[in-house]
Each structure stands twice: as C-alpha cells, then as structure tokens.
Amino acid sequence: MNVSLQRAKARGTITAPPSKSYAHRLLIASALARGKGTVDGIASSQDMKATLNCLSALGVEYEKKEKTVFINSGISVSKNPTLDCLESGSTLRFFIPIALVFATECRFLGTERLMSRGLEVYFDIFKSQGIEYAQGKNYLEIKGKLKPSAFKVRGDISSQFITGLLFALPLLNGDSIIEITTPLESGAYVDITLEVLKDYGIEIQRQDNLFLIKGNQEYKSLCVKAEGDASNSAFLDAFNVIGGDVSVLGLNESTIQGDYVYKKLFEELKNTTPTIDLSNCPDLGPITFALASACNGATITGIRRLRIKESDRVEAMATELRKLGCKIDVFENSVVIKGGINPPKETLCGHNDHRIVMALSVLCTLVGGEIEGCEAVNKSYPHFFEDLERLGIPLERK
C-alpha cells in the first residue's frame, strides 16, 4: 500500500496505543499462570498476533474481545508444537526458552529477515546444555530441555534474550543465575520484565550484573491492562516539534519505559544541535533521524543495533532522507545529520519497517510526499494512518 500525504499541521487529541512491550509480557505471564486471567490493551497488530499464535501452539486457550484477551487455560503442550512468530523479534526470543521448559521438540517459524537477526546467544546456551538445533531461512528446530544453570549472557546484543530466560528459569526444578557479561543496553526493557514478573508473583534477586533465580516458582493469575506505548507515541508527539499541536493521552508519566526519554530528546532536537546516544533506546532511531533532519541537525551515536531491526534502519533512513535533500554522513556507530529537507522528487520507501514508515510520514506532513510499503505499520500500530487523519492530516491510500 502506498500512502500520499499532504502538507498540514497536525492538531487534536489522540490516545496513545497500548504498549507492545508490556502487552507481550503480560500475555506470556498470564499464560504461565495456572488460573484464568485477563489482559486489556492488546492491539490487533501483527506482533500481538505472533505472540497469540505461540500461546495457541503451546495449548493456551484464550478468547479475544476487542482489546481484551481472556486467558482460559495455561500452557498444555502437545507433541512437537510449531510456533509461528511472523516477524516479531520479541516473540521469538521470549518463547524459545519457554518452549524448552514445556516441550522436548519444537519448531519456530518466522520471516527470513527475522531469522537473520541473530540467535547466537541462545545457540551458545544450546551447545553448553546439549540441546540440538537446526536453523533454515525461515525456521528454527530445537530438540532438548532447558536445565537450571549459571548462564552468561552479553548485554549489548539484545535484552530480549535476558527476558526470555527470566520468564522460563523460575519454572525449572532448580536454581539458576544469569550473569550479564557486558554493559547492559536497553536495560529499561529488562526492568519492565522484572516489574511484570514481580506482579505475577515471581521473585528475582538482582545484584549488579547478576540475576539470582529460584526454581519451582509459580505464576499467579491477574487481571491487568497494558499502559500506553511510549515508543509509538513518540511519532505522535513528534508533530509538536515541527509546529503541530497534539495532545497524547494515556501515557504513564512515571513509566519505566526507556523510550519515554523521547520527551527530553525532542526538546533538544527542537532547540539545539545535540549529540544523542541511542544505545539504550534504539526504537527511537527513525523518528530521531527524521526530526534532526527537519530541525537543526544532530550527531547521533549508539546506532549499531539499529542495523539489525526489521530493516537496517541506519541505511534505510539515510537513503530516504537523501531523497528529501538532507545531508547525512554515516559512520560505523554514528551519523551526522545537517538540518533541512525539501519535497521529494521520487516515492519514498518504507523498507518493510513500521518505524521507518511512521518517521517518513511525519516528514511528509512538512513537505508532502508518497511512501510505498505503508502496510508495514500493521506490525505495531495498524491504526496509525487513521489516527493521522483524526489529527487533520490529508492523505490518500493507493
């Protein structure tokens, strides 16, 4: 789907979409509990579909009514389940250790891009525990069981591996330790996991870079609601940086979501030519690049992990910003952007990446333009363009 956007100032009030980070974790914790539970705030996005796919594959019975999921039974694995993760990195990395608790053999499916994003952290664990695995372009087959142990995990690749282990290890018949061997990036996502686990009755002791995990724990059932999403709200609040007047409701001002730092970053981008480190908030990369080009420019560092997302977000944004006449220099772990954009002379590309599409959409409200591949927003924010229309942005779907 192509979307053509006209120049316009976004104005109005909009409710933040539910937090994808919380929603994944709340659904999984509810399914790991023995009793019935409910999770409110579940969007009809592809990532949520992926997590619900995996719960079904593990025998979880649930019912979804609008934005609420009613968990009617916990995990009850049939022989050799197949878990379809679509294109959700969180889903894949969260469920691998969980599946190894309940099944002796399982198969994961996903897009070629997802499977290429790297699972070496788990492969090292598999080798140390004698777990067999085979990976193809769009699948991963695993045979074995996860055992209690002392796990050494790098903290600068993805916090999702740590979250997956934190969900699974309390269920094992024995105690475990996770040692983070390098500085932990995106640590706020681990904090969200620990908060959810605590709410569901799971105790994790944290001592600096160590997580001490007692085995034989039980998840308790809850009725919960996912809070508003800081990551996607950043694309709505970005309009206020470029002359709009948008009120975003539903965000928790005391949230521990790391991407809520966008409030501070946006002020810097609006008023200065800042140096911004994205190592702890890589999902803010595309909109930070976009606003730097629309405002005063910026030097942006800590971008390595942007290259292994749904697209290579560094090269994708550099390519599209150049179509808008922006000057951008790309280095190994940084970019330097000079402010100033012009109407594009060709169609912009969304690179099959929801955050690239949304970032480019914000810029197109300044200079006009057409973006191809806009269906990518279905991954996390399927109603994004409807919300832009509610804010007064004229657009046409093609």
Protein backbone atom coordinates (compact mmCIF):
# COMPACT_ATOMS: atom_id res chain seq x y z
CA MET A 1 0.00 0.00 0.00
CA ASN A 2 1.22 3.48 -0.92
CA VAL A 3 0.13 6.50 1.09
CA SER A 4 0.38 10.05 -0.20
CA LEU A 5 0.43 12.77 2.47
CA GLN A 6 -0.12 16.49 2.01
CA ARG A 7 1.48 19.32 3.89
CA ALA A 8 -0.50 20.03 7.05
CA LYS A 9 -0.18 20.82 10.74
CA ALA A 10 -1.36 18.02 12.98
CA ARG A 11 -3.81 19.24 15.60
CA GLY A 12 -6.02 17.48 18.10
CA THR A 13 -6.10 14.95 20.91
CA ILE A 14 -5.23 11.29 20.46
CA THR A 15 -4.92 8.33 22.82
CA ALA A 16 -1.60 6.53 22.90
CA PRO A 17 -1.68 2.99 21.50
CA PRO A 18 -1.13 0.26 24.13
CA SER A 19 2.45 -0.63 24.96
CA LYS A 20 3.68 -3.52 22.85
CA SER A 21 6.46 -4.19 25.37
CA TYR A 22 4.02 -4.59 28.25
CA ALA A 23 1.45 -6.45 26.16
CA HIS A 24 3.87 -9.20 25.10
CA ARG A 25 5.00 -9.74 28.67
CA LEU A 26 1.54 -9.61 30.26
CA LEU A 27 0.16 -12.16 27.81
CA ILE A 28 3.05 -14.55 28.44
CA ALA A 29 2.91 -14.19 32.23
CA SER A 30 -0.86 -14.75 32.20
CA ALA A 31 -0.43 -17.90 30.13
CA LEU A 32 2.24 -19.21 32.50
CA ALA A 33 -0.16 -18.86 35.44
CA ARG A 34 -2.43 -21.75 36.39
CA GLY A 35 -5.73 -19.91 36.77
CA LYS A 36 -7.76 -17.71 34.48
CA GLY A 37 -6.69 -14.12 33.81
CA THR A 38 -7.35 -11.17 31.54
CA VAL A 39 -5.09 -8.73 29.73
CA ASP A 40 -6.59 -5.49 28.45
CA GLY A 41 -4.87 -3.23 25.93
CA ILE A 42 -3.99 -5.78 23.24
CA ALA A 43 -3.86 -4.16 19.81
CA SER A 44 -4.75 -6.01 16.62
CA SER A 45 -1.17 -5.76 15.40
CA GLN A 46 0.98 -8.37 13.72
CA ASP A 47 3.30 -8.57 16.73
CA MET A 48 0.40 -9.29 19.07
CA LYS A 49 -0.90 -11.86 16.60
CA ALA A 50 2.52 -13.52 16.70
CA THR A 51 2.51 -13.86 20.48
CA LEU A 52 -1.06 -15.16 20.49
CA ASN A 53 -0.05 -17.65 17.76
CA CYS A 54 2.66 -19.01 20.02
CA LEU A 55 0.37 -19.24 23.03
CA SER A 56 -2.10 -21.26 20.95
CA ALA A 57 0.69 -23.54 19.75
CA LEU A 58 1.57 -24.25 23.38
CA GLY A 59 -2.02 -25.22 24.16
CA VAL A 60 -3.20 -21.99 25.79
CA GLU A 61 -6.94 -21.43 25.40
CA TYR A 62 -7.93 -17.79 25.15
CA GLU A 63 -10.63 -15.52 23.77
CA LYS A 64 -10.02 -12.04 22.37
CA LYS A 65 -12.82 -9.50 22.53
CA GLU A 66 -11.84 -6.13 21.04
CA LYS A 67 -8.71 -5.15 23.02
CA THR A 68 -9.10 -7.65 25.87
CA VAL A 69 -7.70 -11.19 25.94
CA PHE A 70 -9.26 -13.66 28.34
CA ILE A 71 -6.85 -16.45 29.25
CA ASN A 72 -8.94 -19.56 30.00
CA SER A 73 -6.18 -22.14 30.45
CA GLY A 74 -2.43 -22.23 30.83
CA ILE A 75 0.22 -24.00 28.79
CA SER A 76 -0.51 -27.61 27.88
CA VAL A 77 1.88 -28.66 25.15
CA SER A 78 1.01 -31.19 22.50
CA LYS A 79 3.79 -33.17 20.84
CA ASN A 80 6.27 -31.11 18.78
CA PRO A 81 4.47 -27.73 18.62
CA THR A 82 5.09 -25.25 15.80
CA LEU A 83 5.26 -21.62 16.90
CA ASP A 84 4.79 -19.00 14.18
CA CYS A 85 6.47 -15.74 15.20
CA LEU A 86 5.74 -13.91 11.92
CA GLU A 87 8.24 -11.01 12.10
CA SER A 88 8.29 -10.37 15.84
CA GLY A 89 11.76 -10.49 17.35
CA SER A 90 10.36 -10.16 20.86
CA THR A 91 8.04 -13.11 20.35
CA LEU A 92 10.77 -15.37 19.00
CA ARG A 93 13.34 -14.55 21.66
CA PHE A 94 10.85 -14.66 24.53
CA PHE A 95 9.36 -18.01 23.57
CA ILE A 96 12.47 -20.05 22.81
CA PRO A 97 13.40 -20.67 26.48
CA ILE A 98 9.72 -21.06 27.43
CA ALA A 99 9.19 -23.74 24.80
CA LEU A 100 12.26 -25.58 26.08
CA VAL A 101 10.64 -25.81 29.52
CA PHE A 102 7.46 -27.47 28.26
CA ALA A 103 8.40 -29.34 25.05
CA THR A 104 11.23 -31.69 24.14
CA GLU A 105 10.93 -30.82 20.45
CA CYS A 106 9.55 -27.69 18.81
CA ARG A 107 9.74 -25.70 15.61
CA PHE A 108 9.72 -21.91 15.26
CA LEU A 109 8.68 -20.17 12.06
CA GLY A 110 9.39 -16.58 11.03
CA THR A 111 10.29 -14.39 8.11
CA GLU A 112 13.72 -14.63 6.58
CA ARG A 113 14.57 -11.18 7.95
CA LEU A 114 13.58 -12.25 11.48
CA MET A 115 15.66 -15.40 11.40
CA SER A 116 18.68 -13.46 10.12
CA ARG A 117 18.66 -11.05 13.07
CA GLY A 118 20.79 -13.34 15.21
CA LEU A 119 20.16 -16.01 17.86
CA GLU A 120 23.77 -16.74 18.79
CA VAL A 121 23.13 -16.02 22.47
CA TYR A 122 20.74 -18.96 22.60
CA PHE A 123 22.89 -21.13 20.33
CA ASP A 124 25.74 -20.84 22.85
CA ILE A 125 23.36 -21.98 25.59
CA PHE A 126 22.13 -24.87 23.44
CA LYS A 127 25.67 -26.08 22.90
CA SER A 128 26.52 -25.91 26.60
CA GLN A 129 23.37 -27.85 27.55
CA GLY A 130 23.41 -30.44 24.77
CA ILE A 131 20.29 -29.03 23.08
CA GLU A 132 20.12 -29.86 19.38
CA TYR A 133 19.04 -27.22 16.88
CA ALA A 134 18.84 -26.60 13.15
CA GLN A 135 18.15 -23.25 11.52
CA GLY A 136 16.94 -22.51 8.00
CA LYS A 137 15.99 -19.29 6.25
CA ASN A 138 12.56 -19.18 7.86
CA TYR A 139 12.60 -21.75 10.65
CA LEU A 140 14.38 -22.96 13.76
CA GLU A 141 14.04 -26.52 15.04
CA ILE A 142 15.03 -27.36 18.61
CA LYS A 143 15.29 -30.67 20.46
CA GLY A 144 16.08 -30.82 24.15
CA LYS A 145 15.12 -29.36 27.52
CA LEU A 146 16.35 -26.24 29.29
CA LYS A 147 18.14 -27.07 32.53
CA PRO A 148 18.93 -24.94 35.59
CA SER A 149 22.40 -23.47 35.32
CA ALA A 150 24.60 -20.41 35.51
CA PHE A 151 24.02 -18.55 32.25
CA LYS A 152 26.42 -15.97 30.88
CA VAL A 153 24.71 -13.53 28.51
CA ARG A 154 26.03 -10.47 26.72
CA GLY A 155 24.08 -7.32 27.49
CA ASP A 156 24.93 -5.37 24.35
CA ILE A 157 23.19 -7.56 21.76
CA SER A 158 19.53 -7.61 22.81
CA SER A 159 17.79 -7.51 26.18
CA GLN A 160 15.16 -9.85 24.70
CA PHE A 161 17.38 -12.88 25.38
CA ILE A 162 17.55 -11.94 29.05
CA THR A 163 13.78 -11.50 29.22
CA GLY A 164 13.19 -14.91 27.66
CA LEU A 165 15.37 -16.57 30.28
CA LEU A 166 13.79 -14.59 33.10
CA PHE A 167 10.37 -15.92 32.12
CA ALA A 168 11.48 -19.54 31.85
CA LEU A 169 14.07 -20.16 34.56
CA PRO A 170 11.74 -19.73 37.59
CA LEU A 171 9.75 -22.73 36.29
CA LEU A 172 12.70 -25.14 36.32
CA ASN A 173 13.36 -27.70 39.02
CA GLY A 174 16.44 -25.94 40.35
CA ASP A 175 18.02 -22.54 40.88
CA SER A 176 19.75 -20.53 38.16
CA ILE A 177 21.92 -17.46 37.75
CA ILE A 178 22.12 -15.07 34.81
CA GLU A 179 25.37 -13.12 34.59
CA ILE A 180 25.45 -10.14 32.21
CA THR A 181 28.97 -10.12 30.82
CA THR A 182 28.96 -6.75 29.01
CA PRO A 183 27.27 -3.41 29.75
CA LEU A 184 23.50 -3.83 29.52
CA GLU A 185 21.90 -1.76 26.78
CA SER A 186 18.15 -1.16 26.65
CA GLY A 187 18.08 -2.07 30.32
CA ALA A 188 14.65 -0.48 30.74
CA TYR A 189 13.14 -3.43 28.88
CA VAL A 190 14.60 -5.78 31.48
CA ASP A 191 13.14 -3.52 34.18
CA ILE A 192 9.71 -3.93 32.56
CA THR A 193 10.15 -7.70 32.61
CA LEU A 194 11.14 -7.68 36.27
CA GLU A 195 8.15 -5.48 37.13
CA VAL A 196 5.74 -7.83 35.35
CA LEU A 197 7.32 -10.91 36.95
CA LYS A 198 7.02 -9.36 40.40
CA ASP A 199 3.35 -8.55 39.82
CA TYR A 200 2.74 -12.17 38.83
CA GLY A 201 4.39 -13.48 41.98
CA ILE A 202 7.85 -14.37 40.63
CA GLU A 203 10.85 -13.37 42.75
CA ILE A 204 14.13 -12.43 41.07
CA GLN A 205 17.06 -11.11 43.07
CA ARG A 206 19.27 -8.68 41.20
CA GLN A 207 22.81 -7.92 42.30
CA ASP A 208 24.51 -5.56 39.86
CA ASN A 209 25.09 -7.72 36.75
CA LEU A 210 23.70 -10.91 38.34
CA PHE A 211 20.13 -12.20 38.41
CA LEU A 212 19.52 -14.88 41.05
CA ILE A 213 16.51 -17.03 40.20
CA LYS A 214 14.93 -19.62 42.46
CA GLY A 215 13.39 -22.62 40.73
CA ASN A 216 9.96 -24.21 41.28
CA GLN A 217 8.13 -20.88 41.37
CA GLU A 218 4.52 -20.40 40.29
CA TYR A 219 2.92 -17.56 38.38
CA LYS A 220 -0.32 -16.22 39.83
CA SER A 221 -3.32 -15.17 37.76
CA LEU A 222 -4.19 -11.50 37.39
CA CYS A 223 -6.49 -9.11 35.55
CA VAL A 224 -4.24 -6.40 34.11
CA LYS A 225 -4.05 -3.67 31.49
CA ALA A 226 -1.13 -2.62 29.30
CA GLU A 227 -0.23 1.03 29.70
CA GLY A 228 0.20 3.46 26.79
CA ASP A 229 3.17 2.93 24.50
CA ALA A 230 5.99 5.48 24.65
CA SER A 231 7.72 4.09 21.54
CA ASN A 232 4.79 4.68 19.19
CA SER A 233 3.56 7.80 20.97
CA ALA A 234 6.86 9.40 20.01
CA PHE A 235 5.64 9.55 16.40
CA LEU A 236 2.52 11.42 17.51
CA ASP A 237 4.32 13.79 19.87
CA ALA A 238 6.86 14.49 17.10
CA PHE A 239 4.30 16.73 15.41
CA ASN A 240 4.67 19.18 18.30
CA VAL A 241 8.34 19.60 17.39
CA ILE A 242 7.50 20.68 13.82
CA GLY A 243 4.70 23.13 14.51
CA GLY A 244 1.73 20.92 15.34
CA ASP A 245 -0.49 20.94 18.41
CA VAL A 246 -1.15 17.35 19.50
CA SER A 247 -2.13 16.11 22.95
CA VAL A 248 -1.27 12.45 23.52
CA LEU A 249 -3.37 10.87 26.26
CA GLY A 250 -2.91 7.59 28.09
CA LEU A 251 0.81 7.72 28.84
CA ASN A 252 2.03 6.90 32.33
CA GLU A 253 4.18 9.84 33.35
CA SER A 254 6.00 7.66 35.88
CA THR A 255 6.55 4.83 33.40
CA ILE A 256 9.75 2.82 33.37
CA GLN A 257 9.59 2.50 29.59
CA GLY A 258 13.00 3.59 28.37
CA ASP A 259 11.62 5.20 25.21
CA TYR A 260 9.80 7.80 27.31
CA VAL A 261 13.13 9.62 27.13
CA TYR A 262 11.89 10.89 23.77
CA LYS A 263 10.34 13.84 25.64
CA LYS A 264 13.82 15.06 26.57
CA LEU A 265 15.37 14.21 23.21
CA PHE A 266 12.68 16.09 21.30
CA GLU A 267 13.32 19.26 23.31
CA GLU A 268 17.00 19.04 22.45
CA LEU A 269 16.28 18.45 18.77
CA LYS A 270 13.88 21.40 18.66
CA ASN A 271 16.14 23.90 20.37
CA THR A 272 19.75 22.82 19.77
CA THR A 273 22.02 20.76 17.55
CA PRO A 274 22.55 17.95 20.03
CA THR A 275 24.62 14.81 20.29
CA ILE A 276 22.24 11.97 21.11
CA ASP A 277 23.14 8.44 22.20
CA LEU A 278 20.53 5.85 21.11
CA SER A 279 22.22 2.77 22.57
CA ASN A 280 19.52 2.46 25.26
CA CYS A 281 16.58 3.45 23.05
CA PRO A 282 17.19 2.11 19.53
CA ASP A 283 13.49 2.12 18.61
CA LEU A 284 13.62 5.93 18.72
CA GLY A 285 16.19 5.86 15.92
CA PRO A 286 13.97 6.54 12.88
CA ILE A 287 11.99 9.40 14.43
CA THR A 288 15.17 10.91 15.90
CA PHE A 289 16.81 10.86 12.46
CA ALA A 290 13.68 12.40 10.98
CA LEU A 291 13.38 15.25 13.47
CA ALA A 292 17.10 16.00 13.26
CA SER A 293 16.67 16.48 9.51
CA ALA A 294 13.59 18.68 9.99
CA CYS A 295 15.13 20.84 12.72
CA ASN A 296 18.70 21.83 13.48
CA GLY A 297 20.55 18.64 12.68
CA ALA A 298 22.27 16.35 15.17
CA THR A 299 25.06 13.90 15.78
CA ILE A 300 23.52 10.56 16.70
CA THR A 301 25.61 7.79 18.27
CA GLY A 302 24.99 4.27 19.57
CA ILE A 303 23.36 3.13 16.33
CA ARG A 304 24.84 -0.36 15.85
CA ARG A 305 21.71 -2.22 16.90
CA LEU A 306 19.57 -0.16 14.53
CA ARG A 307 21.12 -2.22 11.74
CA ILE A 308 19.57 -5.50 12.95
CA LYS A 309 15.97 -4.43 13.35
CA GLU A 310 13.13 -5.01 10.87
CA SER A 311 15.42 -3.27 8.40
CA ASP A 312 18.89 -1.80 8.55
CA ARG A 313 17.40 1.37 9.96
CA VAL A 314 20.61 3.36 9.60
CA GLU A 315 20.92 2.77 5.86
CA ALA A 316 17.15 2.89 5.33
CA MET A 317 16.78 6.33 6.94
CA ALA A 318 19.94 7.64 5.27
CA THR A 319 18.62 6.57 1.87
CA GLU A 320 15.20 8.17 2.38
CA LEU A 321 16.50 11.37 3.98
CA ARG A 322 18.76 11.88 0.98
CA LYS A 323 15.68 11.68 -1.25
CA LEU A 324 14.41 14.61 0.81
CA GLY A 325 17.59 16.57 0.13
CA CYS A 326 19.03 16.06 3.59
CA LYS A 327 22.80 15.82 4.07
CA ILE A 328 23.73 12.83 6.24
CA ASP A 329 27.10 11.22 6.89
CA VAL A 330 27.06 7.62 8.11
CA PHE A 331 29.82 6.08 10.20
CA GLU A 332 30.15 2.72 11.96
CA ASN A 333 28.36 3.73 15.14
CA SER A 334 27.18 7.27 14.45
CA VAL A 335 25.56 9.56 11.92
CA VAL A 336 25.87 13.30 11.42
CA ILE A 337 22.72 14.95 10.06
CA LYS A 338 22.51 18.51 8.78
CA GLY A 339 19.07 20.03 9.21
CA GLY A 340 16.91 20.89 6.21
CA ILE A 341 14.62 18.91 3.91
CA ASN A 342 12.82 19.54 0.61
CA PRO A 343 9.89 17.92 -1.20
CA PRO A 344 11.00 14.53 -2.55
CA LYS A 345 11.27 14.06 -6.31
CA GLU A 346 10.54 10.35 -6.06
CA THR A 347 8.46 7.95 -3.98
CA LEU A 348 9.86 7.21 -0.54
CA CYS A 349 10.31 3.59 0.57
CA GLY A 350 9.17 2.15 3.90
CA HIS A 351 11.72 -0.71 3.76
CA ASN A 352 9.12 -3.11 5.22
CA ASP A 353 9.68 -1.41 8.59
CA HIS A 354 6.85 0.11 10.62
CA ARG A 355 9.04 2.71 12.30
CA ILE A 356 10.58 3.85 9.02
CA VAL A 357 7.10 4.34 7.54
CA MET A 358 5.90 6.33 10.55
CA ALA A 359 9.00 8.52 10.68
CA LEU A 360 8.74 9.35 6.97
CA SER A 361 5.04 10.11 7.39
CA VAL A 362 5.87 12.79 9.96
CA LEU A 363 8.29 14.42 7.49
CA CYS A 364 5.79 14.25 4.64
CA THR A 365 3.42 16.49 6.60
CA LEU A 366 6.10 19.18 6.22
CA VAL A 367 6.96 18.81 2.53
CA GLY A 368 4.40 16.41 1.07
CA GLY A 369 5.27 13.06 -0.41
CA GLU A 370 4.29 9.48 -1.12
CA ILE A 371 5.53 6.41 0.75
CA GLU A 372 5.39 2.87 -0.55
CA GLY A 373 5.07 -0.20 1.67
CA CYS A 374 2.92 1.53 4.27
CA GLU A 375 1.24 -1.72 5.27
CA ALA A 376 4.31 -2.24 7.47
CA VAL A 377 2.58 -0.21 10.20
CA ASN A 378 0.38 -3.26 10.84
CA LYS A 379 3.30 -4.74 12.75
CA SER A 380 2.78 -2.49 15.77
CA TYR A 381 0.31 0.34 15.03
CA PRO A 382 -2.33 -0.75 12.48
CA HIS A 383 -4.46 2.37 13.02
CA PHE A 384 -1.60 4.83 12.54
CA PHE A 385 -2.93 6.46 9.38
CA GLU A 386 -6.47 6.63 10.76
CA ASP A 387 -5.03 8.48 13.74
CA LEU A 388 -3.20 10.90 11.41
CA GLU A 389 -6.50 11.63 9.69
CA ARG A 390 -8.09 12.31 13.08
CA LEU A 391 -5.32 14.86 13.62
CA GLY A 392 -6.25 16.63 10.38
CA ILE A 393 -3.58 15.24 8.05
CA PRO A 394 -4.93 14.90 4.47
CA LEU A 395 -3.76 11.61 3.00
CA GLU A 396 -4.66 9.18 0.25
CA ARG A 397 -4.22 5.41 0.29
CA LYS A 398 -3.26 3.89 -3.04
